[in-house]
Amino acid sequence: MIQRQKGVALWRQIADRIRANIAAGDYDVTGRVPAETALAEEFAVNRHTVRAALAALSQEGIVRAEQGRGTLIAQRDKFDFPISRRTRFTQGIGEQARDLQGVLLSAREEAANTSLSRWLKVAPGTRLIRLETVRKADGRALSRATSWFPADRFSGIDTVFQKSGSITRALAAFDVADYLRDVTEISAGHAEPDDVADLGLTPGAIVLVTKALNTDLEAVPIQFAITRFPADRVQFTVRT
């Protein structure tokens, strides 16, 4: 049920519900979502609220309006991103895309807080390098990541990543030829302002969130990352 006192705008709740219905295949028979009048009746709201929800979904490329045909579902396959002991963006997307791109948004040095020190097994206050990055496939933004690396071991990794566009190649420049995924935590939530801007989403879009720790072959933590994926563009396959 739509909750009017939930603290989330009604149009956003309706957009989430329609998005979930599309993902579940509820509209596959017709290939389009119900008419505005039907949706307004279903959710007990006015047509302007429904129209705002559909406009948000259209901006994300999930639906498109066609004169005389209504609101059609834009059929676009999701990218499958495997999570395993050796999780790599480039290898994971592989042949699913012709062009892969890694973009450095910003970089800075900061002190490890309690949470980061626990993940990276360093003392609080240890200097870390923080990278903000976006990964794209065929021009579509698939992830926005915040990564932290111990500064004493990876000083200058921002410059290397900016040139290579790859975390794997950047780590190799620091003599980390191979590394392992130690932990991956997966959750979901609404897009935050940075997600909206950098992933081309609308407020309220659903994102999949991973918290991941990579270690070298000696089990020493080398990277902790929080990555946000548009749920309508990416699905995870967990491989053991």
C-alpha atoms as a PDB file:
ATOM      1  CA  MET A   1       0.000   0.000   0.000  1.00  0.00           C
ATOM      2  CA  ILE A   2       1.075   3.585  -0.656  1.00  0.00           C
ATOM      3  CA  GLN A   3       1.814   5.251   2.680  1.00  0.00           C
ATOM      4  CA  ARG A   4       0.912   8.923   2.833  1.00  0.00           C
ATOM      5  CA  GLN A   5       2.761   9.482   6.113  1.00  0.00           C
ATOM      6  CA  LYS A   6       5.863   7.523   5.147  1.00  0.00           C
ATOM      7  CA  GLY A   7       8.060  10.571   4.552  1.00  0.00           C
ATOM      8  CA  VAL A   8       8.652   9.546   0.921  1.00  0.00           C
ATOM      9  CA  ALA A   9       6.812  11.441  -1.826  1.00  0.00           C
ATOM     10  CA  LEU A  10       3.786   9.613  -3.224  1.00  0.00           C
ATOM     11  CA  TRP A  11       5.060   9.802  -6.809  1.00  0.00           C
ATOM     12  CA  ARG A  12       8.324   8.215  -5.703  1.00  0.00           C
ATOM     13  CA  GLN A  13       6.532   5.349  -3.966  1.00  0.00           C
ATOM     14  CA  ILE A  14       4.407   4.787  -7.083  1.00  0.00           C
ATOM     15  CA  ALA A  15       7.497   4.875  -9.326  1.00  0.00           C
ATOM     16  CA  ASP A  16       9.125   2.261  -7.075  1.00  0.00           C
ATOM     17  CA  ARG A  17       6.026   0.057  -7.280  1.00  0.00           C
ATOM     18  CA  ILE A  18       5.808   0.320 -11.065  1.00  0.00           C
ATOM     19  CA  ARG A  19       9.548  -0.318 -11.340  1.00  0.00           C
ATOM     20  CA  ALA A  20       9.179  -3.461  -9.193  1.00  0.00           C
ATOM     21  CA  ASN A  21       6.214  -4.641 -11.269  1.00  0.00           C
ATOM     22  CA  ILE A  22       8.216  -4.220 -14.465  1.00  0.00           C
ATOM     23  CA  ALA A  23      11.133  -6.156 -12.974  1.00  0.00           C
ATOM     24  CA  ALA A  24       8.720  -8.928 -11.937  1.00  0.00           C
ATOM     25  CA  GLY A  25       7.303  -9.154 -15.469  1.00  0.00           C
ATOM     26  CA  ASP A  26       3.797  -8.134 -14.431  1.00  0.00           C
ATOM     27  CA  TYR A  27       3.272  -6.124 -17.629  1.00  0.00           C
ATOM     28  CA  ASP A  28       5.059  -8.422 -20.079  1.00  0.00           C
ATOM     29  CA  VAL A  29       1.857  -9.552 -21.804  1.00  0.00           C
ATOM     30  CA  THR A  30       1.027  -6.069 -23.072  1.00  0.00           C
ATOM     31  CA  GLY A  31       4.513  -4.567 -23.025  1.00  0.00           C
ATOM     32  CA  ARG A  32       3.211  -1.403 -21.430  1.00  0.00           C
ATOM     33  CA  VAL A  33       2.153  -0.143 -18.041  1.00  0.00           C
ATOM     34  CA  PRO A  34      -1.540   0.478 -17.310  1.00  0.00           C
ATOM     35  CA  ALA A  35      -3.093   3.771 -18.320  1.00  0.00           C
ATOM     36  CA  GLU A  36      -2.744   6.792 -16.033  1.00  0.00           C
ATOM     37  CA  THR A  37      -6.403   6.580 -15.032  1.00  0.00           C
ATOM     38  CA  ALA A  38      -6.032   2.921 -14.041  1.00  0.00           C
ATOM     39  CA  LEU A  39      -2.874   3.628 -12.048  1.00  0.00           C
ATOM     40  CA  ALA A  40      -4.495   6.600 -10.333  1.00  0.00           C
ATOM     41  CA  GLU A  41      -7.366   4.371  -9.273  1.00  0.00           C
ATOM     42  CA  GLU A  42      -5.039   1.551  -8.189  1.00  0.00           C
ATOM     43  CA  PHE A  43      -2.952   3.824  -5.962  1.00  0.00           C
ATOM     44  CA  ALA A  44      -5.813   6.132  -4.922  1.00  0.00           C
ATOM     45  CA  VAL A  45      -4.028   9.283  -6.116  1.00  0.00           C
ATOM     46  CA  ASN A  46      -4.672  11.891  -8.798  1.00  0.00           C
ATOM     47  CA  ARG A  47      -3.340  11.593 -12.335  1.00  0.00           C
ATOM     48  CA  HIS A  48      -0.763  14.353 -11.769  1.00  0.00           C
ATOM     49  CA  THR A  49       0.948  12.169  -9.150  1.00  0.00           C
ATOM     50  CA  VAL A  50       0.955   9.186 -11.514  1.00  0.00           C
ATOM     51  CA  ARG A  51       2.279  11.392 -14.307  1.00  0.00           C
ATOM     52  CA  ALA A  52       5.193  12.504 -12.103  1.00  0.00           C
ATOM     53  CA  ALA A  53       6.045   8.867 -11.358  1.00  0.00           C
ATOM     54  CA  LEU A  54       5.973   7.919 -15.041  1.00  0.00           C
ATOM     55  CA  ALA A  55       8.066  10.969 -15.952  1.00  0.00           C
ATOM     56  CA  ALA A  56      10.753   9.853 -13.499  1.00  0.00           C
ATOM     57  CA  LEU A  57      10.764   6.344 -14.955  1.00  0.00           C
ATOM     58  CA  SER A  58      10.937   7.772 -18.461  1.00  0.00           C
ATOM     59  CA  GLN A  59      13.945   9.890 -17.527  1.00  0.00           C
ATOM     60  CA  GLU A  60      15.704   6.734 -16.309  1.00  0.00           C
ATOM     61  CA  GLY A  61      14.960   4.990 -19.602  1.00  0.00           C
ATOM     62  CA  ILE A  62      12.667   2.397 -18.029  1.00  0.00           C
ATOM     63  CA  VAL A  63       9.531   3.446 -19.925  1.00  0.00           C
ATOM     64  CA  ARG A  64       8.719   5.641 -22.903  1.00  0.00           C
ATOM     65  CA  ALA A  65       5.496   7.333 -23.950  1.00  0.00           C
ATOM     66  CA  GLU A  66       4.242   6.859 -27.503  1.00  0.00           C
ATOM     67  CA  GLN A  67       1.341   8.770 -28.987  1.00  0.00           C
ATOM     68  CA  GLY A  68      -1.648   6.490 -29.363  1.00  0.00           C
ATOM     69  CA  ARG A  69       0.049   3.526 -27.669  1.00  0.00           C
ATOM     70  CA  GLY A  70       0.403   4.671 -24.070  1.00  0.00           C
ATOM     71  CA  THR A  71       3.455   4.165 -21.857  1.00  0.00           C
ATOM     72  CA  LEU A  72       5.639   1.335 -23.159  1.00  0.00           C
ATOM     73  CA  ILE A  73       8.268  -0.604 -21.268  1.00  0.00           C
ATOM     74  CA  ALA A  74      11.714   0.102 -22.687  1.00  0.00           C
ATOM     75  CA  GLN A  75      13.208  -3.362 -23.046  1.00  0.00           C
ATOM     76  CA  ARG A  76      16.874  -3.099 -22.150  1.00  0.00           C
ATOM     77  CA  ASP A  77      18.832  -6.076 -20.918  1.00  0.00           C
ATOM     78  CA  LYS A  78      20.611  -5.778 -17.596  1.00  0.00           C
ATOM     79  CA  PHE A  79      24.332  -6.270 -17.318  1.00  0.00           C
ATOM     80  CA  ASP A  80      25.197  -9.340 -15.282  1.00  0.00           C
ATOM     81  CA  PHE A  81      27.937  -8.619 -12.733  1.00  0.00           C
ATOM     82  CA  PRO A  82      29.492 -11.738 -11.165  1.00  0.00           C
ATOM     83  CA  ILE A  83      30.749 -11.613  -7.589  1.00  0.00           C
ATOM     84  CA  SER A  84      33.351 -14.249  -6.749  1.00  0.00           C
ATOM     85  CA  ARG A  85      36.731 -14.717  -5.105  1.00  0.00           C
ATOM     86  CA  ARG A  86      38.261 -12.704  -7.950  1.00  0.00           C
ATOM     87  CA  THR A  87      35.757  -9.954  -8.665  1.00  0.00           C
ATOM     88  CA  ARG A  88      36.857  -7.701 -11.539  1.00  0.00           C
ATOM     89  CA  PHE A  89      34.680  -5.120 -13.285  1.00  0.00           C
ATOM     90  CA  THR A  90      36.295  -5.491 -16.704  1.00  0.00           C
ATOM     91  CA  GLN A  91      36.342  -9.290 -16.677  1.00  0.00           C
ATOM     92  CA  GLY A  92      32.891  -9.437 -15.108  1.00  0.00           C
ATOM     93  CA  ILE A  93      31.208  -7.336 -17.775  1.00  0.00           C
ATOM     94  CA  GLY A  94      33.418  -8.971 -20.394  1.00  0.00           C
ATOM     95  CA  GLU A  95      31.734  -9.528 -23.731  1.00  0.00           C
ATOM     96  CA  GLN A  96      28.496  -7.874 -22.590  1.00  0.00           C
ATOM     97  CA  ALA A  97      29.792  -4.481 -23.735  1.00  0.00           C
ATOM     98  CA  ARG A  98      31.974  -3.172 -26.542  1.00  0.00           C
ATOM     99  CA  ASP A  99      33.453  -0.242 -24.643  1.00  0.00           C
ATOM    100  CA  LEU A 100      34.334  -0.070 -20.943  1.00  0.00           C
ATOM    101  CA  GLN A 101      35.394   3.130 -19.250  1.00  0.00           C
ATOM    102  CA  GLY A 102      36.583   4.080 -15.773  1.00  0.00           C
ATOM    103  CA  VAL A 103      36.314   7.744 -14.784  1.00  0.00           C
ATOM    104  CA  LEU A 104      38.025   9.354 -11.796  1.00  0.00           C
ATOM    105  CA  LEU A 105      35.701  11.920 -10.236  1.00  0.00           C
ATOM    106  CA  SER A 106      37.924  12.988  -7.354  1.00  0.00           C
ATOM    107  CA  ALA A 107      40.761  11.870  -5.105  1.00  0.00           C
ATOM    108  CA  ARG A 108      42.008  12.937  -1.720  1.00  0.00           C
ATOM    109  CA  GLU A 109      43.875  11.729   1.327  1.00  0.00           C
ATOM    110  CA  GLU A 110      42.023  11.301   4.610  1.00  0.00           C
ATOM    111  CA  ALA A 111      42.429   9.697   8.013  1.00  0.00           C
ATOM    112  CA  ALA A 112      40.851   6.320   8.723  1.00  0.00           C
ATOM    113  CA  ASN A 113      37.818   6.567  10.994  1.00  0.00           C
ATOM    114  CA  THR A 114      36.707   3.727  13.249  1.00  0.00           C
ATOM    115  CA  SER A 115      34.754   1.937  10.530  1.00  0.00           C
ATOM    116  CA  LEU A 116      37.479   2.186   7.894  1.00  0.00           C
ATOM    117  CA  SER A 117      40.159   1.116  10.345  1.00  0.00           C
ATOM    118  CA  ARG A 118      38.115  -1.988  11.144  1.00  0.00           C
ATOM    119  CA  TRP A 119      37.615  -2.899   7.488  1.00  0.00           C
ATOM    120  CA  LEU A 120      41.209  -2.274   6.430  1.00  0.00           C
ATOM    121  CA  LYS A 121      42.729  -3.536   9.690  1.00  0.00           C
ATOM    122  CA  VAL A 122      44.718  -0.359  10.305  1.00  0.00           C
ATOM    123  CA  ALA A 123      44.902   1.950  13.285  1.00  0.00           C
ATOM    124  CA  PRO A 124      42.415   4.830  13.469  1.00  0.00           C
ATOM    125  CA  GLY A 125      43.973   7.915  11.944  1.00  0.00           C
ATOM    126  CA  THR A 126      46.024   5.965   9.414  1.00  0.00           C
ATOM    127  CA  ARG A 127      46.333   7.916   6.178  1.00  0.00           C
ATOM    128  CA  LEU A 128      44.172   6.557   3.351  1.00  0.00           C
ATOM    129  CA  ILE A 129      43.703   7.512  -0.281  1.00  0.00           C
ATOM    130  CA  ARG A 130      40.058   7.937  -1.219  1.00  0.00           C
ATOM    131  CA  LEU A 131      38.946   7.644  -4.839  1.00  0.00           C
ATOM    132  CA  GLU A 132      35.507   8.506  -6.227  1.00  0.00           C
ATOM    133  CA  THR A 133      34.995   6.694  -9.529  1.00  0.00           C
ATOM    134  CA  VAL A 134      32.324   5.866 -12.102  1.00  0.00           C
ATOM    135  CA  ARG A 135      32.419   2.831 -14.382  1.00  0.00           C
ATOM    136  CA  LYS A 136      30.591   2.856 -17.719  1.00  0.00           C
ATOM    137  CA  ALA A 137      29.737   0.228 -20.322  1.00  0.00           C
ATOM    138  CA  ASP A 138      28.859   1.391 -23.823  1.00  0.00           C
ATOM    139  CA  GLY A 139      28.276   4.846 -22.418  1.00  0.00           C
ATOM    140  CA  ARG A 140      25.851   3.707 -19.701  1.00  0.00           C
ATOM    141  CA  ALA A 141      26.950   4.427 -16.141  1.00  0.00           C
ATOM    142  CA  LEU A 142      26.867   1.113 -14.254  1.00  0.00           C
ATOM    143  CA  SER A 143      28.481   1.956 -10.934  1.00  0.00           C
ATOM    144  CA  ARG A 144      29.640   4.741  -8.675  1.00  0.00           C
ATOM    145  CA  ALA A 145      32.288   3.724  -6.146  1.00  0.00           C
ATOM    146  CA  THR A 146      34.088   5.204  -3.182  1.00  0.00           C
ATOM    147  CA  SER A 147      37.306   3.285  -2.548  1.00  0.00           C
ATOM    148  CA  TRP A 148      39.939   3.561   0.153  1.00  0.00           C
ATOM    149  CA  PHE A 149      43.551   2.336  -0.060  1.00  0.00           C
ATOM    150  CA  PRO A 150      46.354   2.525   2.556  1.00  0.00           C
ATOM    151  CA  ALA A 151      48.339   5.601   1.550  1.00  0.00           C
ATOM    152  CA  ASP A 152      51.723   4.230   2.618  1.00  0.00           C
ATOM    153  CA  ARG A 153      51.403   1.425   0.064  1.00  0.00           C
ATOM    154  CA  PHE A 154      49.407   3.053  -2.735  1.00  0.00           C
ATOM    155  CA  SER A 155      50.507   6.688  -2.867  1.00  0.00           C
ATOM    156  CA  GLY A 156      49.747   7.936  -6.380  1.00  0.00           C
ATOM    157  CA  ILE A 157      47.145   5.297  -7.236  1.00  0.00           C
ATOM    158  CA  ASP A 158      44.761   8.073  -8.253  1.00  0.00           C
ATOM    159  CA  THR A 159      47.103   9.140 -11.054  1.00  0.00           C
ATOM    160  CA  VAL A 160      47.527   5.562 -12.246  1.00  0.00           C
ATOM    161  CA  PHE A 161      43.779   4.929 -12.233  1.00  0.00           C
ATOM    162  CA  GLN A 162      43.104   8.151 -14.112  1.00  0.00           C
ATOM    163  CA  LYS A 163      45.372   6.935 -16.912  1.00  0.00           C
ATOM    164  CA  SER A 164      44.286   3.294 -16.974  1.00  0.00           C
ATOM    165  CA  GLY A 165      40.618   3.511 -15.973  1.00  0.00           C
ATOM    166  CA  SER A 166      41.027   0.201 -14.144  1.00  0.00           C
ATOM    167  CA  ILE A 167      41.494  -0.631 -10.468  1.00  0.00           C
ATOM    168  CA  THR A 168      43.114  -3.961 -11.414  1.00  0.00           C
ATOM    169  CA  ARG A 169      45.700  -2.281 -13.641  1.00  0.00           C
ATOM    170  CA  ALA A 170      46.261   0.434 -11.042  1.00  0.00           C
ATOM    171  CA  LEU A 171      46.962  -2.169  -8.352  1.00  0.00           C
ATOM    172  CA  ALA A 172      49.301  -4.026 -10.725  1.00  0.00           C
ATOM    173  CA  ALA A 173      51.380  -0.853 -10.953  1.00  0.00           C
ATOM    174  CA  PHE A 174      52.004  -1.274  -7.219  1.00  0.00           C
ATOM    175  CA  ASP A 175      53.115  -4.902  -7.607  1.00  0.00           C
ATOM    176  CA  VAL A 176      49.702  -6.366  -6.740  1.00  0.00           C
ATOM    177  CA  ALA A 177      49.433  -8.771  -9.665  1.00  0.00           C
ATOM    178  CA  ASP A 178      46.522 -10.670  -8.122  1.00  0.00           C
ATOM    179  CA  TYR A 179      44.047 -10.037  -5.327  1.00  0.00           C
ATOM    180  CA  LEU A 180      41.037 -11.706  -3.725  1.00  0.00           C
ATOM    181  CA  ARG A 181      37.560 -10.655  -2.647  1.00  0.00           C
ATOM    182  CA  ASP A 182      37.364 -11.309   1.097  1.00  0.00           C
ATOM    183  CA  VAL A 183      33.899  -9.913   1.907  1.00  0.00           C
ATOM    184  CA  THR A 184      30.942  -8.590  -0.087  1.00  0.00           C
ATOM    185  CA  GLU A 185      27.888  -7.182   1.667  1.00  0.00           C
ATOM    186  CA  ILE A 186      24.879  -6.402  -0.549  1.00  0.00           C
ATOM    187  CA  SER A 187      21.933  -4.135   0.244  1.00  0.00           C
ATOM    188  CA  ALA A 188      19.555  -1.823  -1.608  1.00  0.00           C
ATOM    189  CA  GLY A 189      18.278   1.711  -1.157  1.00  0.00           C
ATOM    190  CA  HIS A 190      17.200   4.886  -2.898  1.00  0.00           C
ATOM    191  CA  ALA A 191      19.551   6.924  -5.043  1.00  0.00           C
ATOM    192  CA  GLU A 192      21.389   9.689  -3.221  1.00  0.00           C
ATOM    193  CA  PRO A 193      22.134  13.084  -4.805  1.00  0.00           C
ATOM    194  CA  ASP A 194      25.555  11.961  -6.066  1.00  0.00           C
ATOM    195  CA  ASP A 195      23.973   8.848  -7.621  1.00  0.00           C
ATOM    196  CA  VAL A 196      21.389  10.986  -9.388  1.00  0.00           C
ATOM    197  CA  ALA A 197      24.068  13.250 -10.841  1.00  0.00           C
ATOM    198  CA  ASP A 198      26.755  10.708 -11.724  1.00  0.00           C
ATOM    199  CA  LEU A 199      24.635   7.696 -12.720  1.00  0.00           C
ATOM    200  CA  GLY A 200      21.974   9.654 -14.587  1.00  0.00           C
ATOM    201  CA  LEU A 201      19.134   8.611 -12.271  1.00  0.00           C
ATOM    202  CA  THR A 202      16.063  10.344 -10.926  1.00  0.00           C
ATOM    203  CA  PRO A 203      15.466  10.983  -7.217  1.00  0.00           C
ATOM    204  CA  GLY A 204      14.067   7.838  -5.665  1.00  0.00           C
ATOM    205  CA  ALA A 205      15.598   5.375  -8.126  1.00  0.00           C
ATOM    206  CA  ILE A 206      16.637   2.074  -6.575  1.00  0.00           C
ATOM    207  CA  VAL A 207      20.343   1.275  -6.293  1.00  0.00           C
ATOM    208  CA  LEU A 208      22.112  -1.917  -5.264  1.00  0.00           C
ATOM    209  CA  VAL A 209      24.888  -1.212  -2.763  1.00  0.00           C
ATOM    210  CA  THR A 210      27.927  -3.361  -2.108  1.00  0.00           C
ATOM    211  CA  LYS A 211      30.491  -3.021   0.646  1.00  0.00           C
ATOM    212  CA  ALA A 212      33.525  -4.993  -0.428  1.00  0.00           C
ATOM    213  CA  LEU A 213      36.978  -5.773   0.926  1.00  0.00           C
ATOM    214  CA  ASN A 214      39.825  -6.903  -1.328  1.00  0.00           C
ATOM    215  CA  THR A 215      43.050  -8.384   0.001  1.00  0.00           C
ATOM    216  CA  ASP A 216      46.370  -9.368  -1.508  1.00  0.00           C
ATOM    217  CA  LEU A 217      47.382 -13.029  -1.615  1.00  0.00           C
ATOM    218  CA  GLU A 218      48.823 -12.708   1.881  1.00  0.00           C
ATOM    219  CA  ALA A 219      45.343 -11.740   3.181  1.00  0.00           C
ATOM    220  CA  VAL A 220      46.436  -8.127   3.804  1.00  0.00           C
ATOM    221  CA  PRO A 221      43.586  -5.668   3.077  1.00  0.00           C
ATOM    222  CA  ILE A 222      44.372  -3.412   0.134  1.00  0.00           C
ATOM    223  CA  GLN A 223      41.014  -1.863  -0.811  1.00  0.00           C
ATOM    224  CA  PHE A 224      37.664  -1.222   0.818  1.00  0.00           C
ATOM    225  CA  ALA A 225      34.933   0.053  -1.469  1.00  0.00           C
ATOM    226  CA  ILE A 226      31.292   1.096  -1.259  1.00  0.00           C
ATOM    227  CA  THR A 227      29.771   0.800  -4.729  1.00  0.00           C
ATOM    228  CA  ARG A 228      26.307   1.778  -5.911  1.00  0.00           C
ATOM    229  CA  PHE A 229      24.747   0.155  -8.990  1.00  0.00           C
ATOM    230  CA  PRO A 230      21.492   1.205 -10.742  1.00  0.00           C
ATOM    231  CA  ALA A 231      19.156  -1.701 -10.042  1.00  0.00           C
ATOM    232  CA  ASP A 232      17.557  -1.364 -13.475  1.00  0.00           C
ATOM    233  CA  ARG A 233      20.880  -1.770 -15.282  1.00  0.00           C
ATOM    234  CA  VAL A 234      22.777  -4.349 -13.243  1.00  0.00           C
ATOM    235  CA  GLN A 235      22.073  -7.705 -11.644  1.00  0.00           C
ATOM    236  CA  PHE A 236      24.463  -9.732  -9.487  1.00  0.00           C
ATOM    237  CA  THR A 237      25.448 -13.359  -9.855  1.00  0.00           C
ATOM    238  CA  VAL A 238      27.213 -14.703  -6.766  1.00  0.00           C
ATOM    239  CA  ARG A 239      29.640 -17.474  -7.663  1.00  0.00           C
ATOM    240  CA  THR A 240      31.202 -19.749  -5.057  1.00  0.00           C
END
